[in-house]
PDB file of N, CA and C in Angstrom:
ATOM      1  N   MET A   1      -7.369  -3.525  -5.236  1.00  0.00           N
ATOM      2  CA  MET A   1      -7.158  -2.434  -6.183  1.00  0.00           C
ATOM      3  C   MET A   1      -6.840  -3.044  -7.530  1.00  0.00           C
ATOM      4  N   SER A   2      -7.209  -2.410  -8.628  1.00  0.00           N
ATOM      5  CA  SER A   2      -6.920  -2.924  -9.919  1.00  0.00           C
ATOM      6  C   SER A   2      -6.257  -1.756 -10.727  1.00  0.00           C
ATOM      7  N   CYS A   3      -5.371  -2.095 -11.698  1.00  0.00           N
ATOM      8  CA  CYS A   3      -4.773  -1.136 -12.480  1.00  0.00           C
ATOM      9  C   CYS A   3      -5.653  -0.385 -13.358  1.00  0.00           C
ATOM     10  N   PRO A   4      -5.625   0.949 -13.302  1.00  0.00           N
ATOM     11  CA  PRO A   4      -6.511   1.678 -14.099  1.00  0.00           C
ATOM     12  C   PRO A   4      -6.128   1.713 -15.655  1.00  0.00           C
ATOM     13  N   ALA A   5      -4.831   1.283 -16.001  1.00  0.00           N
ATOM     14  CA  ALA A   5      -4.468   1.207 -17.348  1.00  0.00           C
ATOM     15  C   ALA A   5      -4.828  -0.128 -18.030  1.00  0.00           C
ATOM     16  N   CYS A   6      -4.602  -1.343 -17.256  1.00  0.00           N
ATOM     17  CA  CYS A   6      -4.947  -2.545 -17.933  1.00  0.00           C
ATOM     18  C   CYS A   6      -5.894  -3.442 -17.243  1.00  0.00           C
ATOM     19  N   GLY A   7      -6.344  -3.000 -16.003  1.00  0.00           N
ATOM     20  CA  GLY A   7      -7.401  -3.830 -15.225  1.00  0.00           C
ATOM     21  C   GLY A   7      -6.842  -4.822 -14.391  1.00  0.00           C
ATOM     22  N   SER A   8      -5.513  -5.156 -14.393  1.00  0.00           N
ATOM     23  CA  SER A   8      -4.953  -6.138 -13.732  1.00  0.00           C
ATOM     24  C   SER A   8      -4.979  -6.018 -12.123  1.00  0.00           C
ATOM     25  N   PRO A   9      -5.231  -7.051 -11.376  1.00  0.00           N
ATOM     26  CA  PRO A   9      -5.331  -6.856  -9.888  1.00  0.00           C
ATOM     27  C   PRO A   9      -3.850  -6.931  -9.310  1.00  0.00           C
ATOM     28  N   ARG A  10      -2.825  -7.045 -10.080  1.00  0.00           N
ATOM     29  CA  ARG A  10      -1.498  -7.095  -9.543  1.00  0.00           C
ATOM     30  C   ARG A  10      -0.828  -5.794  -9.418  1.00  0.00           C
ATOM     31  N   VAL A  11      -1.488  -4.853  -8.672  1.00  0.00           N
ATOM     32  CA  VAL A  11      -0.966  -3.575  -8.322  1.00  0.00           C
ATOM     33  C   VAL A  11      -0.354  -3.635  -6.953  1.00  0.00           C
ATOM     34  N   ARG A  12       0.886  -3.294  -6.725  1.00  0.00           N
ATOM     35  CA  ARG A  12       1.566  -3.381  -5.493  1.00  0.00           C
ATOM     36  C   ARG A  12       2.205  -2.038  -5.130  1.00  0.00           C
ATOM     37  N   PRO A  13       2.494  -1.766  -3.842  1.00  0.00           N
ATOM     38  CA  PRO A  13       3.220  -0.625  -3.399  1.00  0.00           C
ATOM     39  C   PRO A  13       4.645  -0.684  -3.996  1.00  0.00           C
ATOM     40  N   SER A  14       5.157   0.577  -4.377  1.00  0.00           N
ATOM     41  CA  SER A  14       6.439   0.634  -5.053  1.00  0.00           C
ATOM     42  C   SER A  14       7.346   1.516  -4.173  1.00  0.00           C
ATOM     43  N   ARG A  15       8.620   1.197  -4.163  1.00  0.00           N
ATOM     44  CA  ARG A  15       9.576   2.019  -3.340  1.00  0.00           C
ATOM     45  C   ARG A  15       9.749   3.320  -4.219  1.00  0.00           C
ATOM     46  N   PRO A  16       9.990   4.486  -3.510  1.00  0.00           N
ATOM     47  CA  PRO A  16      10.332   5.748  -4.207  1.00  0.00           C
ATOM     48  C   PRO A  16      11.509   5.639  -4.859  1.00  0.00           C
ATOM     49  N   LYS A  17      11.590   6.212  -6.073  1.00  0.00           N
ATOM     50  CA  LYS A  17      12.894   6.250  -6.892  1.00  0.00           C
ATOM     51  C   LYS A  17      13.480   7.589  -6.764  1.00  0.00           C
ATOM     52  N   GLY A  18      14.448   7.775  -5.999  1.00  0.00           N
ATOM     53  CA  GLY A  18      15.181   9.061  -5.888  1.00  0.00           C
ATOM     54  C   GLY A  18      14.688   9.852  -4.899  1.00  0.00           C
ATOM     55  N   GLY A  19      15.461  11.014  -4.517  1.00  0.00           N
ATOM     56  CA  GLY A  19      15.121  11.951  -3.454  1.00  0.00           C
ATOM     57  C   GLY A  19      13.824  12.635  -3.570  1.00  0.00           C
ATOM     58  N   ARG A  20      13.590  13.094  -4.855  1.00  0.00           N
ATOM     59  CA  ARG A  20      12.338  13.887  -5.150  1.00  0.00           C
ATOM     60  C   ARG A  20      11.093  13.040  -4.670  1.00  0.00           C
ATOM     61  N   GLU A  21      11.104  11.848  -5.139  1.00  0.00           N
ATOM     62  CA  GLU A  21       9.887  10.882  -4.792  1.00  0.00           C
ATOM     63  C   GLU A  21       9.840  10.647  -3.290  1.00  0.00           C
ATOM     64  N   THR A  22      10.999  10.514  -2.643  1.00  0.00           N
ATOM     65  CA  THR A  22      10.976  10.227  -1.222  1.00  0.00           C
ATOM     66  C   THR A  22      10.402  11.348  -0.478  1.00  0.00           C
ATOM     67  N   LEU A  23      10.921  12.611  -0.875  1.00  0.00           N
ATOM     68  CA  LEU A  23      10.344  13.777  -0.238  1.00  0.00           C
ATOM     69  C   LEU A  23       8.841  14.015  -0.486  1.00  0.00           C
ATOM     70  N   LEU A  24       8.397  13.677  -1.641  1.00  0.00           N
ATOM     71  CA  LEU A  24       7.022  13.797  -1.918  1.00  0.00           C
ATOM     72  C   LEU A  24       6.197  12.790  -1.109  1.00  0.00           C
ATOM     73  N   ARG A  25       6.719  11.642  -0.989  1.00  0.00           N
ATOM     74  CA  ARG A  25       6.093  10.575  -0.236  1.00  0.00           C
ATOM     75  C   ARG A  25       5.863  10.939   1.229  1.00  0.00           C
ATOM     76  N   VAL A  26       6.992  11.600   1.836  1.00  0.00           N
ATOM     77  CA  VAL A  26       6.964  12.009   3.205  1.00  0.00           C
ATOM     78  C   VAL A  26       5.986  13.260   3.365  1.00  0.00           C
ATOM     79  N   TRP A  27       6.194  14.243   2.445  1.00  0.00           N
ATOM     80  CA  TRP A  27       5.491  15.479   2.718  1.00  0.00           C
ATOM     81  C   TRP A  27       3.873  15.275   2.394  1.00  0.00           C
ATOM     82  N   THR A  28       3.597  14.543   1.423  1.00  0.00           N
ATOM     83  CA  THR A  28       2.098  14.476   0.961  1.00  0.00           C
ATOM     84  C   THR A  28       1.429  13.283   1.580  1.00  0.00           C
ATOM     85  N   MET A  29       2.264  12.441   2.306  1.00  0.00           N
ATOM     86  CA  MET A  29       1.633  11.154   2.889  1.00  0.00           C
ATOM     87  C   MET A  29       0.987  10.267   1.786  1.00  0.00           C
ATOM     88  N   THR A  30       1.596  10.187   0.698  1.00  0.00           N
ATOM     89  CA  THR A  30       1.141   9.344  -0.431  1.00  0.00           C
ATOM     90  C   THR A  30       2.157   8.240  -0.601  1.00  0.00           C
ATOM     91  N   ARG A  31       1.804   7.267  -1.401  1.00  0.00           N
ATOM     92  CA  ARG A  31       2.731   6.131  -1.726  1.00  0.00           C
ATOM     93  C   ARG A  31       2.591   5.771  -3.103  1.00  0.00           C
ATOM     94  N   TYR A  32       3.748   5.457  -3.640  1.00  0.00           N
ATOM     95  CA  TYR A  32       3.810   5.001  -5.198  1.00  0.00           C
ATOM     96  C   TYR A  32       3.258   3.478  -5.213  1.00  0.00           C
ATOM     97  N   HIS A  33       2.496   3.261  -6.345  1.00  0.00           N
ATOM     98  CA  HIS A  33       2.031   1.916  -6.569  1.00  0.00           C
ATOM     99  C   HIS A  33       2.401   1.569  -8.050  1.00  0.00           C
ATOM    100  N   GLN A  34       2.590   0.266  -8.349  1.00  0.00           N
ATOM    101  CA  GLN A  34       2.977  -0.028  -9.586  1.00  0.00           C
ATOM    102  C   GLN A  34       2.321  -1.363 -10.056  1.00  0.00           C
ATOM    103  N   CYS A  35       1.806  -1.412 -11.364  1.00  0.00           N
ATOM    104  CA  CYS A  35       1.269  -2.645 -11.874  1.00  0.00           C
ATOM    105  C   CYS A  35       2.233  -3.602 -12.334  1.00  0.00           C
ATOM    106  N   ARG A  36       2.242  -4.843 -11.778  1.00  0.00           N
ATOM    107  CA  ARG A  36       3.248  -5.827 -12.235  1.00  0.00           C
ATOM    108  C   ARG A  36       3.036  -6.320 -13.619  1.00  0.00           C
ATOM    109  N   GLU A  37       1.779  -6.048 -14.211  1.00  0.00           N
ATOM    110  CA  GLU A  37       1.608  -6.581 -15.522  1.00  0.00           C
ATOM    111  C   GLU A  37       1.991  -5.611 -16.629  1.00  0.00           C
ATOM    112  N   CYS A  38       1.549  -4.268 -16.496  1.00  0.00           N
ATOM    113  CA  CYS A  38       1.945  -3.341 -17.693  1.00  0.00           C
ATOM    114  C   CYS A  38       2.987  -2.379 -17.217  1.00  0.00           C
ATOM    115  N   GLY A  39       3.270  -2.198 -15.959  1.00  0.00           N
ATOM    116  CA  GLY A  39       4.287  -1.340 -15.567  1.00  0.00           C
ATOM    117  C   GLY A  39       3.766   0.138 -15.146  1.00  0.00           C
ATOM    118  N   TRP A  40       2.395   0.383 -15.225  1.00  0.00           N
ATOM    119  CA  TRP A  40       1.803   1.525 -14.838  1.00  0.00           C
ATOM    120  C   TRP A  40       2.238   1.870 -13.425  1.00  0.00           C
ATOM    121  N   ARG A  41       2.652   3.158 -13.101  1.00  0.00           N
ATOM    122  CA  ARG A  41       3.074   3.595 -11.874  1.00  0.00           C
ATOM    123  C   ARG A  41       2.559   5.057 -11.550  1.00  0.00           C
ATOM    124  N   ALA A  42       2.137   5.246 -10.291  1.00  0.00           N
ATOM    125  CA  ALA A  42       1.483   6.425  -9.867  1.00  0.00           C
ATOM    126  C   ALA A  42       1.466   6.646  -8.395  1.00  0.00           C
ATOM    127  N   ARG A  43       1.473   7.824  -7.916  1.00  0.00           N
ATOM    128  CA  ARG A  43       1.372   8.188  -6.521  1.00  0.00           C
ATOM    129  C   ARG A  43       0.006   8.220  -6.098  1.00  0.00           C
ATOM    130  N   LEU A  44      -0.403   7.502  -5.077  1.00  0.00           N
ATOM    131  CA  LEU A  44      -1.776   7.359  -4.703  1.00  0.00           C
ATOM    132  C   LEU A  44      -1.876   7.587  -3.197  1.00  0.00           C
ATOM    133  N   ALA A  45      -3.041   8.120  -2.785  1.00  0.00           N
ATOM    134  CA  ALA A  45      -3.245   8.273  -1.243  1.00  0.00           C
ATOM    135  C   ALA A  45      -3.027   7.021  -0.572  1.00  0.00           C
ATOM    136  N   ARG A  46      -2.536   7.041   0.676  1.00  0.00           N
ATOM    137  CA  ARG A  46      -2.278   5.772   1.478  1.00  0.00           C
ATOM    138  C   ARG A  46      -3.634   5.254   2.011  1.00  0.00           C
ATOM    139  N   THR A  47      -3.620   3.884   2.044  1.00  0.00           N
ATOM    140  CA  THR A  47      -4.827   3.129   2.527  1.00  0.00           C
ATOM    141  C   THR A  47      -4.689   3.072   4.042  1.00  0.00           C
ATOM    142  N   SER A  48      -5.714   2.771   4.737  1.00  0.00           N
ATOM    143  CA  SER A  48      -5.683   2.679   6.215  1.00  0.00           C
ATOM    144  C   SER A  48      -4.646   1.539   6.636  1.00  0.00           C
ATOM    145  N   HIS A  49      -4.454   0.557   5.639  1.00  0.00           N
ATOM    146  CA  HIS A  49      -3.410  -0.570   5.942  1.00  0.00           C
ATOM    147  C   HIS A  49      -2.027  -0.044   6.227  1.00  0.00           C
ATOM    148  N   ASP A  50      -1.579   0.957   5.307  1.00  0.00           N
ATOM    149  CA  ASP A  50      -0.147   1.488   5.396  1.00  0.00           C
ATOM    150  C   ASP A  50      -0.142   2.865   5.987  1.00  0.00           C
ATOM    151  N   ALA A  51      -1.206   3.457   6.524  1.00  0.00           N
ATOM    152  CA  ALA A  51      -1.141   4.778   7.029  1.00  0.00           C
ATOM    153  C   ALA A  51      -0.310   5.013   8.140  1.00  0.00           C
ATOM    154  N   GLY A  52      -0.047   3.907   8.966  1.00  0.00           N
ATOM    155  CA  GLY A  52       0.754   3.956  10.143  1.00  0.00           C
ATOM    156  C   GLY A  52       2.173   3.679   9.959  1.00  0.00           C
ATOM    157  N   SER A  53       2.638   3.456   8.729  1.00  0.00           N
ATOM    158  CA  SER A  53       4.081   3.070   8.486  1.00  0.00           C
ATOM    159  C   SER A  53       5.045   4.286   8.696  1.00  0.00           C
ATOM    160  N   ASP A  54       4.516   5.591   8.591  1.00  0.00           N
ATOM    161  CA  ASP A  54       5.422   6.740   8.924  1.00  0.00           C
ATOM    162  C   ASP A  54       4.795   7.363  10.144  1.00  0.00           C
ATOM    163  N   PRO A  55       5.630   7.781  11.190  1.00  0.00           N
ATOM    164  CA  PRO A  55       5.095   8.545  12.298  1.00  0.00           C
ATOM    165  C   PRO A  55       4.489   9.848  11.882  1.00  0.00           C
ATOM    166  N   PRO A  56       3.473  10.365  12.435  1.00  0.00           N
ATOM    167  CA  PRO A  56       2.828  11.534  11.912  1.00  0.00           C
ATOM    168  C   PRO A  56       3.737  12.863  11.995  1.00  0.00           C
ATOM    169  N   ASP A  57       4.737  12.860  12.852  1.00  0.00           N
ATOM    170  CA  ASP A  57       5.509  14.054  12.998  1.00  0.00           C
ATOM    171  C   ASP A  57       6.754  14.040  12.091  1.00  0.00           C
ATOM    172  N   LEU A  58       6.800  13.127  11.087  1.00  0.00           N
ATOM    173  CA  LEU A  58       7.946  12.933  10.333  1.00  0.00           C
ATOM    174  C   LEU A  58       8.066  14.211   9.333  1.00  0.00           C
ATOM    175  N   ARG A  59       6.992  14.753   8.864  1.00  0.00           N
ATOM    176  CA  ARG A  59       7.126  15.986   8.072  1.00  0.00           C
ATOM    177  C   ARG A  59       7.804  17.076   8.825  1.00  0.00           C
ATOM    178  N   PHE A  60       7.453  17.237  10.095  1.00  0.00           N
ATOM    179  CA  PHE A  60       8.072  18.242  10.973  1.00  0.00           C
ATOM    180  C   PHE A  60       9.586  18.047  11.073  1.00  0.00           C
ATOM    181  N   TRP A  61       9.948  16.859  11.325  1.00  0.00           N
ATOM    182  CA  TRP A  61      11.442  16.527  11.517  1.00  0.00           C
ATOM    183  C   TRP A  61      12.122  16.750  10.128  1.00  0.00           C
ATOM    184  N   THR A  62      11.485  16.487   8.950  1.00  0.00           N
ATOM    185  CA  THR A  62      12.116  16.724   7.780  1.00  0.00           C
ATOM    186  C   THR A  62      12.356  18.213   7.504  1.00  0.00           C
ATOM    187  N   VAL A  63      11.312  18.963   7.710  1.00  0.00           N
ATOM    188  CA  VAL A  63      11.494  20.375   7.624  1.00  0.00           C
ATOM    189  C   VAL A  63      12.566  21.007   8.586  1.00  0.00           C
ATOM    190  N   ALA A  64      12.540  20.492   9.762  1.00  0.00           N
ATOM    191  CA  ALA A  64      13.591  20.924  10.833  1.00  0.00           C
ATOM    192  C   ALA A  64      14.930  20.578  10.368  1.00  0.00           C
ATOM    193  N   ALA A  65      15.076  19.466   9.763  1.00  0.00           N
ATOM    194  CA  ALA A  65      16.527  18.964   9.345  1.00  0.00           C
ATOM    195  C   ALA A  65      16.887  19.840   8.290  1.00  0.00           C
ATOM    196  N   LEU A  66      16.078  20.111   7.232  1.00  0.00           N
ATOM    197  CA  LEU A  66      16.361  20.957   6.067  1.00  0.00           C
ATOM    198  C   LEU A  66      16.774  22.355   6.538  1.00  0.00           C
ATOM    199  N   VAL A  67      16.084  22.851   7.561  1.00  0.00           N
ATOM    200  CA  VAL A  67      16.323  24.311   8.049  1.00  0.00           C
ATOM    201  C   VAL A  67      17.599  24.361   8.709  1.00  0.00           C
ATOM    202  N   GLY A  68      17.915  23.395   9.517  1.00  0.00           N
ATOM    203  CA  GLY A  68      19.044  23.135  10.227  1.00  0.00           C
ATOM    204  C   GLY A  68      20.282  22.985   9.349  1.00  0.00           C
ATOM    205  N   LEU A  69      20.261  22.315   8.227  1.00  0.00           N
ATOM    206  CA  LEU A  69      21.201  22.265   7.391  1.00  0.00           C
ATOM    207  C   LEU A  69      21.506  23.567   6.641  1.00  0.00           C
ATOM    208  N   GLY A  70      20.362  24.262   6.221  1.00  0.00           N
ATOM    209  CA  GLY A  70      20.577  25.670   5.673  1.00  0.00           C
ATOM    210  C   GLY A  70      21.368  26.591   6.593  1.00  0.00           C
ATOM    211  N   PHE A  71      21.026  26.472   7.951  1.00  0.00           N
ATOM    212  CA  PHE A  71      21.565  27.282   8.806  1.00  0.00           C
ATOM    213  C   PHE A  71      23.098  27.071   8.968  1.00  0.00           C
ATOM    214  N   VAL A  72      23.488  25.803   9.023  1.00  0.00           N
ATOM    215  CA  VAL A  72      24.904  25.407   9.079  1.00  0.00           C
ATOM    216  C   VAL A  72      25.564  25.836   7.827  1.00  0.00           C
ATOM    217  N   TYR A  73      24.934  25.709   6.675  1.00  0.00           N
ATOM    218  CA  TYR A  73      25.514  26.100   5.382  1.00  0.00           C
ATOM    219  C   TYR A  73      25.878  27.636   5.392  1.00  0.00           C
ATOM    220  N   VAL A  74      24.851  28.418   5.913  1.00  0.00           N
ATOM    221  CA  VAL A  74      25.070  29.867   5.934  1.00  0.00           C
ATOM    222  C   VAL A  74      26.262  30.231   6.930  1.00  0.00           C
ATOM    223  N   LEU A  75      26.227  29.553   8.096  1.00  0.00           N
ATOM    224  CA  LEU A  75      27.359  29.804   9.043  1.00  0.00           C
ATOM    225  C   LEU A  75      28.658  29.420   8.435  1.00  0.00           C
ATOM    226  N   LEU A  76      28.807  28.325   7.635  1.00  0.00           N
ATOM    227  CA  LEU A  76      30.062  28.012   7.210  1.00  0.00           C
ATOM    228  C   LEU A  76      30.451  28.916   6.061  1.00  0.00           C
ATOM    229  N   ARG A  77      29.545  29.404   5.235  1.00  0.00           N
ATOM    230  CA  ARG A  77      29.851  30.314   4.244  1.00  0.00           C
ATOM    231  C   ARG A  77      30.295  31.626   4.681  1.00  0.00           C
ATOM    232  N   ALA A  78      29.775  32.193   5.883  1.00  0.00           N
ATOM    233  CA  ALA A  78      30.054  33.436   6.431  1.00  0.00           C
ATOM    234  C   ALA A  78      31.451  33.370   7.100  1.00  0.00           C
ATOM    235  N   GLY A  79      31.888  32.230   7.457  1.00  0.00           N
ATOM    236  CA  GLY A  79      33.161  32.152   8.290  1.00  0.00           C
ATOM    237  C   GLY A  79      34.337  31.916   7.513  1.00  0.00           C
TER     238      GLY A  79
END
């Protein structure tokens, strides 16, 4: 893969920066990539190479955890 901004082949996967990017990564099954030459960074579809890095049911457990936390919050506020 080469950088769409500068054409450099030095484009590598990048870690998510913050909670929003982490949730987007899990929910959309995409991954951030960054050019080491010019700093270009974007969320791209995962390749077959890294498609197996997250279990397929991770989105379900993310939603289940958020619903559970919301339920606990409502119970604590009511009591």
